[in-house]
């Protein structure tokens, strides 16, 4: 079972669902379960694909993609979402192409100790993403002021905010419907 609810297989998709599966297709030529789980209500898949691509695959993003994938992975660890962690930390591995560094990063994130591998701006952005994930009601303007003290631009803050917000949404979709990576092609960066 790849989810706790029914998902329409790609070979049975017609009409709007077929069009949306084509839109959500990975570079591997497959549709991941994170998108297939929307198949009973395809209009939600369209919004999901659009949001995902806007936060991680827009050419106007200024922070390094590998770092945004680390943010995605840290949020997914905080939410205990194995699906997103599996996919997005594989992207970190492919983008950094340094197994030892990646192993050290993953170990520090799993331990809740990003300070073991990050410092300065990147560390503070990870702290911000973690607080946004686990303590959202306690967010204050001082959280943003602190990021500015570490030379984060408002645009960079927004980028991390959107990655964290997206993965909080996606993690709840995945965990709430029991979606697994069974049949998915993990990661996609060459």
N, C-alpha and C. Protein backbone atom coordinates (compact mmCIF):
# COMPACT_ATOMS: atom_id res chain seq x y z
N UNK A 1 0.84 -1.17 0.00
CA UNK A 1 0.00 0.00 0.00
C UNK A 1 0.90 1.24 0.00
N UNK A 2 0.60 2.20 -0.85
CA UNK A 2 1.41 3.41 -0.93
C UNK A 2 0.74 4.61 -0.25
N UNK A 3 -0.52 4.44 0.18
CA UNK A 3 -1.23 5.47 0.94
C UNK A 3 -2.44 4.82 1.60
N UNK A 4 -2.99 5.52 2.56
CA UNK A 4 -4.16 4.99 3.26
C UNK A 4 -5.46 5.25 2.51
N UNK A 5 -5.39 6.08 1.46
CA UNK A 5 -6.57 6.32 0.64
C UNK A 5 -6.25 5.85 -0.79
N UNK A 6 -7.30 5.69 -1.56
CA UNK A 6 -7.15 5.24 -2.95
C UNK A 6 -6.46 6.31 -3.78
N UNK A 7 -5.53 5.87 -4.62
CA UNK A 7 -4.88 6.75 -5.58
C UNK A 7 -5.11 6.17 -6.97
N UNK A 8 -5.47 7.00 -7.90
CA UNK A 8 -5.73 6.54 -9.26
C UNK A 8 -4.38 6.35 -9.97
N UNK A 9 -4.13 5.14 -10.45
CA UNK A 9 -2.85 4.87 -11.14
C UNK A 9 -2.72 5.71 -12.40
N UNK A 10 -1.48 5.97 -12.78
CA UNK A 10 -1.22 6.79 -13.97
C UNK A 10 -1.89 6.22 -15.22
N UNK A 11 -1.87 4.91 -15.36
CA UNK A 11 -2.43 4.30 -16.57
C UNK A 11 -3.96 4.33 -16.61
N UNK A 12 -4.59 4.74 -15.52
CA UNK A 12 -6.05 4.86 -15.49
C UNK A 12 -6.51 6.33 -15.53
N UNK A 13 -5.57 7.25 -15.51
CA UNK A 13 -5.90 8.68 -15.47
C UNK A 13 -6.39 9.16 -16.83
N UNK A 14 -7.47 9.92 -16.81
CA UNK A 14 -8.02 10.51 -18.04
C UNK A 14 -8.38 11.96 -17.77
N UNK A 15 -8.64 12.70 -18.83
CA UNK A 15 -9.13 14.06 -18.73
C UNK A 15 -8.21 14.97 -17.95
N UNK A 16 -8.81 15.73 -17.04
CA UNK A 16 -8.06 16.70 -16.24
C UNK A 16 -6.99 16.01 -15.40
N UNK A 17 -7.31 14.87 -14.84
CA UNK A 17 -6.31 14.16 -14.03
C UNK A 17 -5.11 13.77 -14.89
N UNK A 18 -5.33 13.30 -16.09
CA UNK A 18 -4.22 12.95 -16.98
C UNK A 18 -3.37 14.18 -17.26
N UNK A 19 -4.01 15.31 -17.52
CA UNK A 19 -3.28 16.56 -17.78
C UNK A 19 -2.44 16.95 -16.56
N UNK A 20 -3.03 16.81 -15.37
CA UNK A 20 -2.30 17.19 -14.16
C UNK A 20 -1.17 16.21 -13.84
N UNK A 21 -1.37 14.93 -14.12
CA UNK A 21 -0.28 13.98 -13.97
C UNK A 21 0.87 14.36 -14.90
N UNK A 22 0.54 14.76 -16.12
CA UNK A 22 1.58 15.19 -17.06
C UNK A 22 2.31 16.43 -16.53
N UNK A 23 1.56 17.34 -15.92
CA UNK A 23 2.15 18.56 -15.34
C UNK A 23 3.06 18.22 -14.16
N UNK A 24 2.68 17.21 -13.38
CA UNK A 24 3.42 16.84 -12.17
C UNK A 24 4.54 15.84 -12.44
N UNK A 25 4.72 15.43 -13.68
CA UNK A 25 5.71 14.42 -14.05
C UNK A 25 7.12 14.85 -13.62
N UNK A 26 7.85 13.91 -13.06
CA UNK A 26 9.25 14.16 -12.67
C UNK A 26 10.15 14.03 -13.89
N UNK A 27 11.39 14.47 -13.79
CA UNK A 27 12.33 14.25 -14.88
C UNK A 27 12.54 12.76 -15.20
N UNK A 28 12.19 11.88 -14.25
CA UNK A 28 12.28 10.44 -14.48
C UNK A 28 11.14 9.92 -15.34
N UNK A 29 10.13 10.78 -15.59
CA UNK A 29 8.96 10.35 -16.36
C UNK A 29 7.92 9.65 -15.52
N UNK A 30 7.94 9.88 -14.22
CA UNK A 30 6.97 9.26 -13.31
C UNK A 30 6.25 10.36 -12.52
N UNK A 31 5.19 9.97 -11.85
CA UNK A 31 4.48 10.87 -10.95
C UNK A 31 4.65 10.32 -9.54
N UNK A 32 5.24 11.12 -8.67
CA UNK A 32 5.48 10.67 -7.30
C UNK A 32 4.17 10.57 -6.51
N UNK A 33 4.20 9.73 -5.50
CA UNK A 33 3.01 9.50 -4.67
C UNK A 33 2.51 10.76 -3.99
N UNK A 34 3.41 11.71 -3.69
CA UNK A 34 3.00 12.96 -3.07
C UNK A 34 1.99 13.70 -3.96
N UNK A 35 2.07 13.50 -5.26
CA UNK A 35 1.11 14.10 -6.18
C UNK A 35 -0.06 13.15 -6.46
N UNK A 36 0.22 11.87 -6.60
CA UNK A 36 -0.86 10.91 -6.87
C UNK A 36 -1.91 10.88 -5.77
N UNK A 37 -1.49 11.19 -4.55
CA UNK A 37 -2.45 11.13 -3.44
C UNK A 37 -3.57 12.16 -3.62
N UNK A 38 -3.36 13.15 -4.49
CA UNK A 38 -4.39 14.14 -4.80
C UNK A 38 -5.38 13.66 -5.87
N UNK A 39 -5.19 12.48 -6.41
CA UNK A 39 -5.90 12.07 -7.63
C UNK A 39 -7.42 12.07 -7.51
N UNK A 40 -7.96 11.90 -6.33
CA UNK A 40 -9.41 11.94 -6.17
C UNK A 40 -9.96 13.36 -6.19
N UNK A 41 -9.09 14.34 -5.99
CA UNK A 41 -9.45 15.76 -6.07
C UNK A 41 -8.33 16.48 -6.82
N UNK A 42 -8.26 16.31 -8.14
CA UNK A 42 -7.13 16.80 -8.94
C UNK A 42 -6.84 18.29 -8.80
N UNK A 43 -7.86 19.09 -8.55
CA UNK A 43 -7.62 20.54 -8.42
C UNK A 43 -6.62 20.85 -7.30
N UNK A 44 -6.57 20.00 -6.28
CA UNK A 44 -5.60 20.25 -5.21
C UNK A 44 -4.18 19.91 -5.67
N UNK A 45 -4.05 18.97 -6.61
CA UNK A 45 -2.74 18.64 -7.15
C UNK A 45 -2.17 19.83 -7.91
N UNK A 46 -3.01 20.50 -8.68
CA UNK A 46 -2.54 21.66 -9.45
C UNK A 46 -1.94 22.72 -8.51
N UNK A 47 -2.63 23.04 -7.42
CA UNK A 47 -2.12 24.00 -6.45
C UNK A 47 -0.83 23.53 -5.82
N UNK A 48 -0.77 22.25 -5.51
CA UNK A 48 0.42 21.69 -4.86
C UNK A 48 1.64 21.79 -5.78
N UNK A 49 1.49 21.39 -7.03
CA UNK A 49 2.60 21.45 -7.98
C UNK A 49 3.08 22.89 -8.14
N UNK A 50 2.14 23.81 -8.27
CA UNK A 50 2.48 25.23 -8.46
C UNK A 50 3.26 25.76 -7.26
N UNK A 51 2.78 25.47 -6.06
CA UNK A 51 3.45 25.94 -4.85
C UNK A 51 4.84 25.32 -4.72
N UNK A 52 4.95 24.02 -4.93
CA UNK A 52 6.24 23.33 -4.83
C UNK A 52 7.27 23.95 -5.77
N UNK A 53 6.89 24.12 -7.00
CA UNK A 53 7.84 24.66 -7.98
C UNK A 53 8.20 26.11 -7.67
N UNK A 54 7.28 26.86 -7.09
CA UNK A 54 7.58 28.26 -6.79
C UNK A 54 8.56 28.40 -5.64
N UNK A 55 8.56 27.47 -4.70
CA UNK A 55 9.46 27.62 -3.54
C UNK A 55 10.81 26.95 -3.74
N UNK A 56 10.91 25.97 -4.64
CA UNK A 56 12.19 25.28 -4.81
C UNK A 56 12.75 25.32 -6.23
N UNK A 57 11.96 25.68 -7.20
CA UNK A 57 12.45 25.56 -8.58
C UNK A 57 12.21 26.82 -9.41
N UNK A 58 12.17 27.95 -8.76
CA UNK A 58 12.00 29.20 -9.49
C UNK A 58 13.37 29.81 -9.74
N UNK A 59 13.62 30.32 -10.94
CA UNK A 59 14.95 30.87 -11.24
C UNK A 59 15.29 32.13 -10.44
N UNK A 60 14.32 32.74 -9.77
CA UNK A 60 14.58 33.95 -8.99
C UNK A 60 15.01 33.69 -7.56
N UNK A 61 15.07 32.42 -7.16
CA UNK A 61 15.55 32.07 -5.82
C UNK A 61 17.02 32.46 -5.71
N UNK A 62 17.39 33.06 -4.57
CA UNK A 62 18.77 33.53 -4.41
C UNK A 62 19.62 32.66 -3.49
N UNK A 63 19.01 31.99 -2.53
CA UNK A 63 19.77 31.10 -1.65
C UNK A 63 20.16 29.85 -2.44
N UNK A 64 21.28 29.22 -2.08
CA UNK A 64 21.68 28.01 -2.80
C UNK A 64 20.61 26.92 -2.67
N UNK A 65 20.32 26.25 -3.76
CA UNK A 65 19.30 25.21 -3.76
C UNK A 65 19.63 24.10 -2.77
N UNK A 66 20.91 23.73 -2.67
CA UNK A 66 21.26 22.67 -1.72
C UNK A 66 20.87 23.07 -0.29
N UNK A 67 21.03 24.37 0.03
CA UNK A 67 20.68 24.82 1.37
C UNK A 67 19.17 24.80 1.57
N UNK A 68 18.41 25.21 0.57
CA UNK A 68 16.94 25.17 0.70
C UNK A 68 16.48 23.72 0.85
N UNK A 69 17.17 22.78 0.21
CA UNK A 69 16.84 21.36 0.39
C UNK A 69 17.20 20.90 1.82
N UNK A 70 18.25 21.48 2.41
CA UNK A 70 18.57 21.20 3.82
C UNK A 70 17.44 21.72 4.71
N UNK A 71 16.97 22.93 4.43
CA UNK A 71 15.84 23.48 5.19
C UNK A 71 14.64 22.54 5.08
N UNK A 72 14.34 22.10 3.87
CA UNK A 72 13.23 21.17 3.65
C UNK A 72 13.42 19.90 4.48
N UNK A 73 14.64 19.39 4.49
CA UNK A 73 14.94 18.17 5.24
C UNK A 73 14.80 18.39 6.74
N UNK A 74 15.27 19.54 7.24
CA UNK A 74 15.18 19.82 8.67
C UNK A 74 13.72 19.95 9.11
N UNK A 75 12.92 20.64 8.33
CA UNK A 75 11.48 20.74 8.64
C UNK A 75 10.87 19.34 8.64
N UNK A 76 11.24 18.52 7.67
CA UNK A 76 10.69 17.16 7.59
C UNK A 76 11.14 16.30 8.76
N UNK A 77 12.35 16.50 9.25
CA UNK A 77 12.81 15.80 10.46
C UNK A 77 11.98 16.26 11.65
N UNK A 78 11.79 17.55 11.79
CA UNK A 78 11.00 18.09 12.91
C UNK A 78 9.58 17.54 12.89
N UNK A 79 9.05 17.27 11.70
CA UNK A 79 7.69 16.74 11.56
C UNK A 79 7.66 15.22 11.46
N UNK A 80 8.81 14.58 11.57
CA UNK A 80 8.92 13.12 11.46
C UNK A 80 8.27 12.62 10.17
N UNK A 81 8.60 13.28 9.07
CA UNK A 81 8.06 12.91 7.76
C UNK A 81 9.16 12.23 6.93
N UNK A 82 9.17 10.91 7.01
CA UNK A 82 10.18 10.12 6.31
C UNK A 82 10.10 10.31 4.80
N UNK A 83 8.91 10.48 4.26
CA UNK A 83 8.74 10.63 2.82
C UNK A 83 9.53 11.83 2.30
N UNK A 84 9.25 13.00 2.85
CA UNK A 84 9.94 14.21 2.36
C UNK A 84 11.42 14.17 2.67
N UNK A 85 11.78 13.67 3.84
CA UNK A 85 13.20 13.57 4.18
C UNK A 85 13.93 12.68 3.17
N UNK A 86 13.35 11.55 2.85
CA UNK A 86 13.97 10.63 1.90
C UNK A 86 14.21 11.30 0.56
N UNK A 87 13.18 11.94 0.04
CA UNK A 87 13.31 12.61 -1.27
C UNK A 87 14.28 13.79 -1.23
N UNK A 88 14.10 14.66 -0.25
CA UNK A 88 14.82 15.93 -0.29
C UNK A 88 16.23 15.84 0.24
N UNK A 89 16.52 14.91 1.14
CA UNK A 89 17.92 14.78 1.51
C UNK A 89 18.71 14.08 0.40
N UNK A 90 18.05 13.27 -0.39
CA UNK A 90 18.73 12.71 -1.57
C UNK A 90 19.11 13.85 -2.52
N UNK A 91 18.27 14.86 -2.61
CA UNK A 91 18.61 16.02 -3.44
C UNK A 91 19.82 16.76 -2.87
N UNK A 92 19.90 16.88 -1.54
CA UNK A 92 21.08 17.49 -0.91
C UNK A 92 22.32 16.70 -1.31
N UNK A 93 22.23 15.39 -1.22
CA UNK A 93 23.37 14.53 -1.56
C UNK A 93 23.82 14.74 -3.01
N UNK A 94 22.87 14.81 -3.90
CA UNK A 94 23.22 14.97 -5.32
C UNK A 94 23.76 16.37 -5.61
N UNK A 95 23.21 17.37 -4.96
CA UNK A 95 23.65 18.74 -5.21
C UNK A 95 25.02 19.02 -4.61
N UNK A 96 25.28 18.52 -3.41
CA UNK A 96 26.58 18.75 -2.77
C UNK A 96 27.65 17.78 -3.27
N UNK A 97 27.25 16.57 -3.63
CA UNK A 97 28.18 15.58 -4.14
C UNK A 97 29.38 15.38 -3.21
N UNK A 98 29.08 15.25 -1.91
CA UNK A 98 30.13 15.06 -0.90
C UNK A 98 29.50 14.21 0.21
N UNK A 99 29.67 12.89 0.12
CA UNK A 99 29.00 11.97 1.04
C UNK A 99 29.32 12.26 2.50
N UNK A 100 30.58 12.51 2.82
CA UNK A 100 30.96 12.77 4.22
C UNK A 100 30.26 14.02 4.74
N UNK A 101 30.30 15.09 3.98
CA UNK A 101 29.63 16.34 4.39
C UNK A 101 28.14 16.09 4.57
N UNK A 102 27.54 15.38 3.64
CA UNK A 102 26.11 15.11 3.73
C UNK A 102 25.78 14.24 4.94
N UNK A 103 26.58 13.21 5.19
CA UNK A 103 26.37 12.38 6.37
C UNK A 103 26.45 13.21 7.65
N UNK A 104 27.43 14.11 7.71
CA UNK A 104 27.60 14.97 8.88
C UNK A 104 26.41 15.92 9.04
N UNK A 105 25.95 16.48 7.93
CA UNK A 105 24.79 17.38 7.98
C UNK A 105 23.57 16.62 8.48
N UNK A 106 23.31 15.45 7.90
CA UNK A 106 22.14 14.68 8.29
C UNK A 106 22.20 14.30 9.77
N UNK A 107 23.37 13.90 10.23
CA UNK A 107 23.52 13.54 11.64
C UNK A 107 23.22 14.74 12.53
N UNK A 108 23.72 15.92 12.16
CA UNK A 108 23.48 17.11 12.99
C UNK A 108 22.00 17.49 12.99
N UNK A 109 21.34 17.37 11.84
CA UNK A 109 19.91 17.71 11.77
C UNK A 109 19.08 16.72 12.58
N UNK A 110 19.40 15.44 12.46
CA UNK A 110 18.68 14.42 13.23
C UNK A 110 18.85 14.62 14.73
N UNK A 111 20.01 15.12 15.14
CA UNK A 111 20.28 15.36 16.56
C UNK A 111 19.70 16.69 17.04
N UNK A 112 19.11 17.47 16.12
CA UNK A 112 18.61 18.79 16.50
C UNK A 112 19.74 19.75 16.82
N UNK A 113 20.89 19.51 16.21
CA UNK A 113 22.08 20.31 16.49
C UNK A 113 22.69 20.84 15.19
N UNK A 114 21.96 21.66 14.45
CA UNK A 114 22.51 22.16 13.18
C UNK A 114 23.79 22.98 13.39
N UNK A 115 24.00 23.49 14.60
CA UNK A 115 25.21 24.26 14.89
C UNK A 115 26.47 23.43 14.74
N UNK A 116 26.33 22.11 14.71
CA UNK A 116 27.51 21.25 14.49
C UNK A 116 28.03 21.35 13.06
N UNK A 117 27.18 21.78 12.12
CA UNK A 117 27.58 21.84 10.71
C UNK A 117 27.37 23.20 10.05
N UNK A 118 26.62 24.07 10.71
CA UNK A 118 26.31 25.36 10.12
C UNK A 118 26.65 26.48 11.09
N UNK A 119 26.87 27.66 10.53
CA UNK A 119 27.13 28.83 11.37
C UNK A 119 26.53 30.05 10.68
N UNK A 120 26.54 31.15 11.40
CA UNK A 120 26.12 32.42 10.83
C UNK A 120 24.73 32.39 10.23
N UNK A 121 24.61 33.00 9.07
CA UNK A 121 23.32 33.15 8.38
C UNK A 121 22.60 31.81 8.21
N UNK A 122 23.30 30.80 7.72
CA UNK A 122 22.63 29.53 7.48
C UNK A 122 22.11 28.91 8.77
N UNK A 123 22.89 28.98 9.84
CA UNK A 123 22.45 28.43 11.11
C UNK A 123 21.20 29.16 11.60
N UNK A 124 21.22 30.48 11.53
CA UNK A 124 20.06 31.25 12.01
C UNK A 124 18.82 30.98 11.16
N UNK A 125 19.00 30.79 9.87
CA UNK A 125 17.85 30.46 9.01
C UNK A 125 17.29 29.08 9.37
N UNK A 126 18.16 28.14 9.73
CA UNK A 126 17.68 26.83 10.17
C UNK A 126 16.94 26.92 11.50
N UNK A 127 17.45 27.73 12.42
CA UNK A 127 16.74 27.94 13.69
C UNK A 127 15.35 28.55 13.43
N UNK A 128 15.30 29.52 12.52
CA UNK A 128 14.03 30.15 12.17
C UNK A 128 13.05 29.11 11.60
N UNK A 129 13.51 28.28 10.67
CA UNK A 129 12.64 27.26 10.07
C UNK A 129 12.15 26.27 11.12
N UNK A 130 13.01 25.90 12.07
CA UNK A 130 12.62 24.97 13.12
C UNK A 130 11.56 25.59 14.02
N UNK A 131 11.75 26.85 14.42
CA UNK A 131 10.76 27.50 15.27
C UNK A 131 9.44 27.66 14.54
N UNK A 132 9.49 28.02 13.27
CA UNK A 132 8.29 28.17 12.47
C UNK A 132 7.53 26.84 12.39
N UNK A 133 8.26 25.74 12.44
CA UNK A 133 7.67 24.41 12.36
C UNK A 133 7.11 23.93 13.68
N UNK A 134 7.85 24.13 14.76
CA UNK A 134 7.46 23.53 16.04
C UNK A 134 6.85 24.49 17.04
N UNK A 135 7.00 25.79 16.83
CA UNK A 135 6.54 26.79 17.80
C UNK A 135 5.97 28.02 17.11
N UNK A 136 5.18 27.81 16.09
CA UNK A 136 4.71 28.91 15.24
C UNK A 136 3.99 30.00 16.04
N UNK A 137 3.28 29.65 17.08
CA UNK A 137 2.53 30.65 17.86
C UNK A 137 3.45 31.58 18.63
N UNK A 138 4.72 31.21 18.75
CA UNK A 138 5.67 32.03 19.50
C UNK A 138 6.56 32.87 18.60
N UNK A 139 6.27 32.91 17.30
CA UNK A 139 7.06 33.74 16.39
C UNK A 139 6.86 35.21 16.74
N UNK A 140 7.95 35.98 16.68
CA UNK A 140 7.93 37.40 17.02
C UNK A 140 8.78 38.18 16.02
N UNK A 141 8.59 39.47 15.99
CA UNK A 141 9.39 40.32 15.11
C UNK A 141 10.88 40.18 15.43
N UNK A 142 11.20 39.86 16.69
CA UNK A 142 12.61 39.69 17.06
C UNK A 142 13.26 38.52 16.31
N UNK A 143 12.46 37.54 15.90
CA UNK A 143 13.00 36.43 15.11
C UNK A 143 13.51 36.95 13.76
N UNK A 144 12.79 37.87 13.17
CA UNK A 144 13.19 38.47 11.89
C UNK A 144 14.37 39.43 12.11
N UNK A 145 14.29 40.22 13.19
CA UNK A 145 15.38 41.15 13.49
C UNK A 145 16.71 40.40 13.66
N UNK A 146 16.66 39.25 14.32
CA UNK A 146 17.87 38.45 14.51
C UNK A 146 18.44 38.00 13.16
N UNK A 147 17.57 37.57 12.26
CA UNK A 147 18.04 37.15 10.94
C UNK A 147 18.71 38.30 10.20
N UNK A 148 18.16 39.48 10.34
CA UNK A 148 18.77 40.66 9.70
C UNK A 148 20.14 40.96 10.30
N UNK A 149 20.29 40.73 11.61
CA UNK A 149 21.61 40.92 12.25
C UNK A 149 22.65 39.99 11.66
N UNK A 150 22.21 38.86 11.11
CA UNK A 150 23.11 37.91 10.46
C UNK A 150 23.16 38.12 8.95
N UNK A 151 22.80 39.32 8.52
CA UNK A 151 22.88 39.73 7.11
C UNK A 151 21.93 38.98 6.19
N UNK A 152 20.84 38.49 6.71
CA UNK A 152 19.82 37.90 5.85
C UNK A 152 19.01 39.04 5.25
N UNK A 153 18.79 38.99 3.96
CA UNK A 153 17.91 39.96 3.33
C UNK A 153 16.46 39.52 3.57
N UNK A 154 15.55 40.46 3.41
CA UNK A 154 14.14 40.10 3.57
C UNK A 154 13.73 39.06 2.53
N UNK A 155 14.29 39.14 1.33
CA UNK A 155 14.00 38.14 0.30
C UNK A 155 14.47 36.75 0.70
N UNK A 156 15.65 36.65 1.31
CA UNK A 156 16.15 35.35 1.77
C UNK A 156 15.28 34.81 2.91
N UNK A 157 14.87 35.70 3.80
CA UNK A 157 13.98 35.28 4.89
C UNK A 157 12.69 34.73 4.31
N UNK A 158 12.15 35.41 3.32
CA UNK A 158 10.92 34.95 2.68
C UNK A 158 11.13 33.60 2.01
N UNK A 159 12.27 33.41 1.34
CA UNK A 159 12.54 32.12 0.70
C UNK A 159 12.51 30.98 1.72
N UNK A 160 13.18 31.15 2.86
CA UNK A 160 13.20 30.10 3.88
C UNK A 160 11.81 29.95 4.50
N UNK A 161 11.12 31.05 4.72
CA UNK A 161 9.76 30.99 5.24
C UNK A 161 8.88 30.15 4.33
N UNK A 162 8.98 30.37 3.03
CA UNK A 162 8.13 29.65 2.08
C UNK A 162 8.49 28.18 1.97
N UNK A 163 9.78 27.85 2.02
CA UNK A 163 10.18 26.44 2.02
C UNK A 163 9.66 25.76 3.28
N UNK A 164 9.83 26.40 4.43
CA UNK A 164 9.35 25.80 5.68
C UNK A 164 7.83 25.66 5.66
N UNK A 165 7.14 26.69 5.21
CA UNK A 165 5.67 26.63 5.16
C UNK A 165 5.20 25.54 4.20
N UNK A 166 5.82 25.46 3.03
CA UNK A 166 5.44 24.43 2.07
C UNK A 166 5.65 23.04 2.66
N UNK A 167 6.80 22.80 3.29
CA UNK A 167 7.06 21.46 3.81
C UNK A 167 6.20 21.14 5.02
N UNK A 168 5.80 22.13 5.79
CA UNK A 168 4.83 21.85 6.85
C UNK A 168 3.51 21.40 6.23
N UNK A 169 3.08 22.04 5.16
CA UNK A 169 1.87 21.60 4.44
C UNK A 169 2.06 20.18 3.90
N UNK A 170 3.12 19.99 3.15
CA UNK A 170 3.35 18.71 2.49
C UNK A 170 3.54 17.58 3.51
N UNK A 171 4.27 17.83 4.57
CA UNK A 171 4.49 16.79 5.59
C UNK A 171 3.16 16.36 6.21
N UNK A 172 2.26 17.30 6.42
CA UNK A 172 0.96 16.95 6.99
C UNK A 172 0.10 16.19 5.99
N UNK A 173 0.18 16.55 4.73
CA UNK A 173 -0.51 15.79 3.68
C UNK A 173 -0.01 14.34 3.68
N UNK A 174 1.31 14.18 3.65
CA UNK A 174 1.92 12.85 3.55
C UNK A 174 1.69 12.01 4.80
N UNK A 175 1.99 12.56 5.97
CA UNK A 175 1.82 11.80 7.20
C UNK A 175 0.35 11.54 7.50
N UNK A 176 -0.51 12.51 7.19
CA UNK A 176 -1.93 12.37 7.47
C UNK A 176 -2.64 11.36 6.59
N UNK A 177 -2.05 11.04 5.44
CA UNK A 177 -2.65 10.05 4.53
C UNK A 177 -1.79 8.81 4.37
N UNK A 178 -0.73 8.69 5.17
CA UNK A 178 0.09 7.49 5.16
C UNK A 178 0.80 7.22 3.84
N UNK A 179 1.22 8.28 3.17
CA UNK A 179 1.86 8.12 1.86
C UNK A 179 3.29 7.62 2.04
N UNK A 180 3.66 6.62 1.24
CA UNK A 180 5.02 6.07 1.28
C UNK A 180 5.74 6.36 -0.04
N UNK A 181 7.03 6.09 -0.05
CA UNK A 181 7.83 6.29 -1.26
C UNK A 181 7.80 5.07 -2.18
N UNK A 182 7.02 4.05 -1.83
CA UNK A 182 6.97 2.84 -2.65
C UNK A 182 6.61 3.18 -4.10
N UNK A 183 7.48 2.82 -5.01
CA UNK A 183 7.26 3.09 -6.44
C UNK A 183 7.80 4.43 -6.92
N UNK A 184 8.20 5.30 -6.02
CA UNK A 184 8.75 6.60 -6.40
C UNK A 184 10.20 6.46 -6.85
N UNK A 185 10.65 7.35 -7.72
CA UNK A 185 12.06 7.51 -8.02
C UNK A 185 12.57 8.58 -7.06
N UNK A 186 13.51 8.23 -6.20
CA UNK A 186 13.93 9.12 -5.12
C UNK A 186 14.90 10.17 -5.65
N UNK A 187 14.57 11.44 -5.38
CA UNK A 187 15.42 12.54 -5.83
C UNK A 187 15.43 12.63 -7.34
N UNK A 188 15.89 13.76 -7.88
CA UNK A 188 15.92 13.83 -9.32
C UNK A 188 17.06 14.65 -9.89
N UNK A 189 17.92 15.20 -9.08
CA UNK A 189 19.01 15.99 -9.61
C UNK A 189 20.09 15.11 -10.18
N UNK A 190 20.53 15.44 -11.36
CA UNK A 190 21.61 14.67 -12.00
C UNK A 190 22.96 15.09 -11.44
